[in-house]
Every structure is written in C-alpha cells, then in structure tokens.
C-alpha cells in the first residue's frame, strides 16, 4: 500500500503540473481536461478547459497527481504538503530554488539536526513543499 499526494488547484492545474514535471524531470506528464471525458460523464455546462486529472511519475509507485477543483465540489481547497527527498544537496538546492521562485520561503534550505539540507516553502501555486536530502543507509 502507498500514499500519493493529490493536489487541488483553482484553475491553475495545467500550468502547475507542467512546471512541476519540468522541475523534477518527468517525461510522462498526462493531462486530461473535461473535454476529454465521455459524453454525459460530467455535469452540464462544466468548463471544458478545466483539468479533470493530471499525473506524472518519478518512479514506481511515486505519482504526483492533481486537478482543477470544480466549483460544485466541496474541497476545503486545502492542499497537502509534498515531501521530496532529493538524491544530493545540489539537486535539493536546485529544486528548492525553482519551486520557491514567486512563492514564499518559510524555512530556507539549511542543515538541520535530521538532515544536511532541508527547506520548507509554499510555491506560487499555493502548494507547500518540504525539500530535503534522501536518507542514507
């Protein structure tokens, strides 16, 4: 069993997921809009450009998924924090820099008692991220 974050966006899913796929080097980004849904599958009048589902994978069992939250769906619009363990400090710092551009840094990338590099931010799309080094054995 595994858990994967599913991000809800207020109409910015396509832009956000395209950006995230670029940051993490994913080449399998899939985006399905309402227009791609079968006839009658969605409420009448739903925006055909709204992203129904987007996803890419960073490895087996490691998807990042999201969609534009439809106005008729109660969501709380609370986005989870996404945890990313980079393979080395250079990659951790590069990912942190890209994601924090236009966003808010809550804890700058720095050494902590649990990691040589850790940072916490909210990106320009409102998604919270924890970036750290992958644990070593």
C-alpha atoms as a PDB file:
ATOM      1  CA  UNK A   1       0.000   0.000   0.000  1.00  0.00           C
ATOM      2  CA  UNK A   2       1.214   3.508  -0.716  1.00  0.00           C
ATOM      3  CA  UNK A   3       0.105   7.102  -0.400  1.00  0.00           C
ATOM      4  CA  UNK A   4       0.469   9.776  -3.054  1.00  0.00           C
ATOM      5  CA  UNK A   5      -0.480  13.440  -2.848  1.00  0.00           C
ATOM      6  CA  UNK A   6      -3.371  14.642  -4.977  1.00  0.00           C
ATOM      7  CA  UNK A   7      -3.281  18.402  -5.402  1.00  0.00           C
ATOM      8  CA  UNK A   8      -6.337  20.585  -5.955  1.00  0.00           C
ATOM      9  CA  UNK A   9      -5.950  23.811  -7.932  1.00  0.00           C
ATOM     10  CA  UNK A  10      -8.272  26.783  -8.528  1.00  0.00           C
ATOM     11  CA  UNK A  11      -7.908  26.665 -12.332  1.00  0.00           C
ATOM     12  CA  UNK A  12      -4.089  26.551 -12.490  1.00  0.00           C
ATOM     13  CA  UNK A  13      -3.557  22.772 -12.627  1.00  0.00           C
ATOM     14  CA  UNK A  14      -2.210  22.614 -16.193  1.00  0.00           C
ATOM     15  CA  UNK A  15       0.366  25.341 -15.524  1.00  0.00           C
ATOM     16  CA  UNK A  16       1.357  23.967 -12.116  1.00  0.00           C
ATOM     17  CA  UNK A  17       1.703  20.310 -13.136  1.00  0.00           C
ATOM     18  CA  UNK A  18       3.633  21.261 -16.301  1.00  0.00           C
ATOM     19  CA  UNK A  19       6.002  23.314 -14.130  1.00  0.00           C
ATOM     20  CA  UNK A  20       6.398  20.512 -11.553  1.00  0.00           C
ATOM     21  CA  UNK A  21       7.106  17.933 -14.277  1.00  0.00           C
ATOM     22  CA  UNK A  22       9.800  20.234 -15.669  1.00  0.00           C
ATOM     23  CA  UNK A  23      11.359  20.851 -12.241  1.00  0.00           C
ATOM     24  CA  UNK A  24      11.575  17.132 -11.459  1.00  0.00           C
ATOM     25  CA  UNK A  25      12.493  15.992 -14.986  1.00  0.00           C
ATOM     26  CA  UNK A  26       9.367  13.895 -15.523  1.00  0.00           C
ATOM     27  CA  UNK A  27       8.693  12.942 -19.129  1.00  0.00           C
ATOM     28  CA  UNK A  28       5.344  11.185 -18.707  1.00  0.00           C
ATOM     29  CA  UNK A  29       3.010  14.060 -17.779  1.00  0.00           C
ATOM     30  CA  UNK A  30      -0.581  13.223 -18.683  1.00  0.00           C
ATOM     31  CA  UNK A  31      -3.295  15.876 -18.605  1.00  0.00           C
ATOM     32  CA  UNK A  32      -6.967  15.139 -19.203  1.00  0.00           C
ATOM     33  CA  UNK A  33      -9.396  18.037 -19.494  1.00  0.00           C
ATOM     34  CA  UNK A  34     -13.166  17.930 -19.153  1.00  0.00           C
ATOM     35  CA  UNK A  35     -13.335  17.968 -22.949  1.00  0.00           C
ATOM     36  CA  UNK A  36     -11.634  14.537 -22.914  1.00  0.00           C
ATOM     37  CA  UNK A  37     -14.315  12.991 -20.680  1.00  0.00           C
ATOM     38  CA  UNK A  38     -17.028  10.779 -22.183  1.00  0.00           C
ATOM     39  CA  UNK A  39     -20.296  12.479 -23.123  1.00  0.00           C
ATOM     40  CA  UNK A  40     -22.553  12.812 -20.069  1.00  0.00           C
ATOM     41  CA  UNK A  41     -19.840  11.943 -17.524  1.00  0.00           C
ATOM     42  CA  UNK A  42     -19.765  15.458 -16.052  1.00  0.00           C
ATOM     43  CA  UNK A  43     -22.467  17.945 -15.079  1.00  0.00           C
ATOM     44  CA  UNK A  44     -23.821  20.004 -18.000  1.00  0.00           C
ATOM     45  CA  UNK A  45     -22.046  23.303 -18.518  1.00  0.00           C
ATOM     46  CA  UNK A  46     -18.813  22.283 -16.750  1.00  0.00           C
ATOM     47  CA  UNK A  47     -15.832  24.202 -18.190  1.00  0.00           C
ATOM     48  CA  UNK A  48     -14.341  22.034 -20.984  1.00  0.00           C
ATOM     49  CA  UNK A  49     -10.872  23.501 -20.315  1.00  0.00           C
ATOM     50  CA  UNK A  50     -10.807  22.593 -16.596  1.00  0.00           C
ATOM     51  CA  UNK A  51      -8.247  19.863 -15.865  1.00  0.00           C
ATOM     52  CA  UNK A  52     -10.072  16.721 -14.810  1.00  0.00           C
ATOM     53  CA  UNK A  53      -6.877  14.800 -13.944  1.00  0.00           C
ATOM     54  CA  UNK A  54      -3.125  15.290 -14.337  1.00  0.00           C
ATOM     55  CA  UNK A  55      -0.338  12.929 -13.327  1.00  0.00           C
ATOM     56  CA  UNK A  56       3.339  12.137 -13.726  1.00  0.00           C
ATOM     57  CA  UNK A  57       5.596   9.583 -12.053  1.00  0.00           C
ATOM     58  CA  UNK A  58       9.053   9.881 -10.538  1.00  0.00           C
ATOM     59  CA  UNK A  59       9.463   6.136 -10.245  1.00  0.00           C
ATOM     60  CA  UNK A  60       7.446   3.039  -9.449  1.00  0.00           C
ATOM     61  CA  UNK A  61       4.684   3.920  -7.016  1.00  0.00           C
ATOM     62  CA  UNK A  62       5.671   7.600  -6.899  1.00  0.00           C
ATOM     63  CA  UNK A  63       2.996   9.596  -8.764  1.00  0.00           C
ATOM     64  CA  UNK A  64       2.131  13.248  -8.288  1.00  0.00           C
ATOM     65  CA  UNK A  65      -1.478  13.886  -9.249  1.00  0.00           C
ATOM     66  CA  UNK A  66      -3.799  16.866  -9.367  1.00  0.00           C
ATOM     67  CA  UNK A  67      -6.829  18.525 -10.911  1.00  0.00           C
ATOM     68  CA  UNK A  68      -8.672  21.804 -11.052  1.00  0.00           C
ATOM     69  CA  UNK A  69     -11.264  21.658  -8.291  1.00  0.00           C
ATOM     70  CA  UNK A  70     -14.695  22.092  -9.859  1.00  0.00           C
ATOM     71  CA  UNK A  71     -16.850  24.807  -8.305  1.00  0.00           C
ATOM     72  CA  UNK A  72     -19.574  22.279  -7.445  1.00  0.00           C
ATOM     73  CA  UNK A  73     -17.257  20.011  -5.415  1.00  0.00           C
ATOM     74  CA  UNK A  74     -16.685  20.771  -1.744  1.00  0.00           C
ATOM     75  CA  UNK A  75     -12.953  20.533  -1.232  1.00  0.00           C
ATOM     76  CA  UNK A  76     -11.826  22.806   1.544  1.00  0.00           C
ATOM     77  CA  UNK A  77      -9.176  23.777  -1.040  1.00  0.00           C
ATOM     78  CA  UNK A  78      -6.556  22.666   1.448  1.00  0.00           C
ATOM     79  CA  UNK A  79      -3.525  21.402  -0.408  1.00  0.00           C
ATOM     80  CA  UNK A  80      -1.274  18.844   1.289  1.00  0.00           C
ATOM     81  CA  UNK A  81       2.409  19.400   1.849  1.00  0.00           C
ATOM     82  CA  UNK A  82       4.507  17.489  -0.648  1.00  0.00           C
ATOM     83  CA  UNK A  83       7.698  15.921   0.674  1.00  0.00           C
ATOM     84  CA  UNK A  84      10.584  15.490  -1.783  1.00  0.00           C
ATOM     85  CA  UNK A  85      13.841  13.744  -0.867  1.00  0.00           C
ATOM     86  CA  UNK A  86      16.494  14.718  -3.415  1.00  0.00           C
ATOM     87  CA  UNK A  87      19.429  12.386  -4.134  1.00  0.00           C
ATOM     88  CA  UNK A  88      22.062  15.028  -3.294  1.00  0.00           C
ATOM     89  CA  UNK A  89      22.439  18.549  -1.914  1.00  0.00           C
ATOM     90  CA  UNK A  90      22.984  20.146  -5.330  1.00  0.00           C
ATOM     91  CA  UNK A  91      19.684  18.721  -6.601  1.00  0.00           C
ATOM     92  CA  UNK A  92      17.871  19.637  -3.348  1.00  0.00           C
ATOM     93  CA  UNK A  93      19.030  23.250  -3.626  1.00  0.00           C
ATOM     94  CA  UNK A  94      18.145  23.462  -7.328  1.00  0.00           C
ATOM     95  CA  UNK A  95      14.628  22.090  -6.761  1.00  0.00           C
ATOM     96  CA  UNK A  96      14.130  24.404  -3.767  1.00  0.00           C
ATOM     97  CA  UNK A  97      15.248  27.440  -5.787  1.00  0.00           C
ATOM     98  CA  UNK A  98      12.926  26.641  -8.701  1.00  0.00           C
ATOM     99  CA  UNK A  99       9.890  25.932  -6.520  1.00  0.00           C
ATOM    100  CA  UNK A 100      10.407  28.982  -4.286  1.00  0.00           C
ATOM    101  CA  UNK A 101      10.590  31.440  -7.211  1.00  0.00           C
ATOM    102  CA  UNK A 102       7.484  33.593  -6.891  1.00  0.00           C
ATOM    103  CA  UNK A 103       6.455  31.757  -3.737  1.00  0.00           C
ATOM    104  CA  UNK A 104       7.110  32.111  -0.009  1.00  0.00           C
ATOM    105  CA  UNK A 105      10.066  30.570   1.812  1.00  0.00           C
ATOM    106  CA  UNK A 106       9.041  29.519   5.323  1.00  0.00           C
ATOM    107  CA  UNK A 107      12.345  27.829   6.226  1.00  0.00           C
ATOM    108  CA  UNK A 108      15.376  28.429   3.993  1.00  0.00           C
ATOM    109  CA  UNK A 109      17.374  25.441   2.778  1.00  0.00           C
ATOM    110  CA  UNK A 110      19.834  24.712   5.597  1.00  0.00           C
ATOM    111  CA  UNK A 111      21.339  21.941   7.700  1.00  0.00           C
ATOM    112  CA  UNK A 112      19.105  20.660  10.496  1.00  0.00           C
ATOM    113  CA  UNK A 113      19.536  18.034  13.170  1.00  0.00           C
ATOM    114  CA  UNK A 114      17.769  15.477  10.941  1.00  0.00           C
ATOM    115  CA  UNK A 115      19.253  16.371   7.550  1.00  0.00           C
ATOM    116  CA  UNK A 116      22.240  18.089   5.970  1.00  0.00           C
ATOM    117  CA  UNK A 117      19.773  20.115   3.895  1.00  0.00           C
ATOM    118  CA  UNK A 118      16.098  20.857   4.500  1.00  0.00           C
ATOM    119  CA  UNK A 119      13.811  23.679   3.408  1.00  0.00           C
ATOM    120  CA  UNK A 120      10.105  24.441   3.539  1.00  0.00           C
ATOM    121  CA  UNK A 121       8.211  26.693   1.121  1.00  0.00           C
ATOM    122  CA  UNK A 122       4.907  27.458  -0.485  1.00  0.00           C
ATOM    123  CA  UNK A 123       5.170  27.818  -4.255  1.00  0.00           C
ATOM    124  CA  UNK A 124       3.420  30.368  -6.456  1.00  0.00           C
ATOM    125  CA  UNK A 125       0.502  27.959  -6.915  1.00  0.00           C
ATOM    126  CA  UNK A 126      -0.131  27.637  -3.166  1.00  0.00           C
ATOM    127  CA  UNK A 127       1.383  24.162  -2.783  1.00  0.00           C
ATOM    128  CA  UNK A 128       3.521  23.603   0.322  1.00  0.00           C
ATOM    129  CA  UNK A 129       6.794  21.699  -0.187  1.00  0.00           C
ATOM    130  CA  UNK A 130       9.382  20.137   2.134  1.00  0.00           C
ATOM    131  CA  UNK A 131      12.637  19.582   0.250  1.00  0.00           C
ATOM    132  CA  UNK A 132      15.358  17.507   1.889  1.00  0.00           C
ATOM    133  CA  UNK A 133      18.142  15.036   1.153  1.00  0.00           C
ATOM    134  CA  UNK A 134      17.227  11.391   0.709  1.00  0.00           C
ATOM    135  CA  UNK A 135      18.175   9.415   3.808  1.00  0.00           C
ATOM    136  CA  UNK A 136      21.367   7.380   3.509  1.00  0.00           C
ATOM    137  CA  UNK A 137      21.703   3.922   4.954  1.00  0.00           C
END
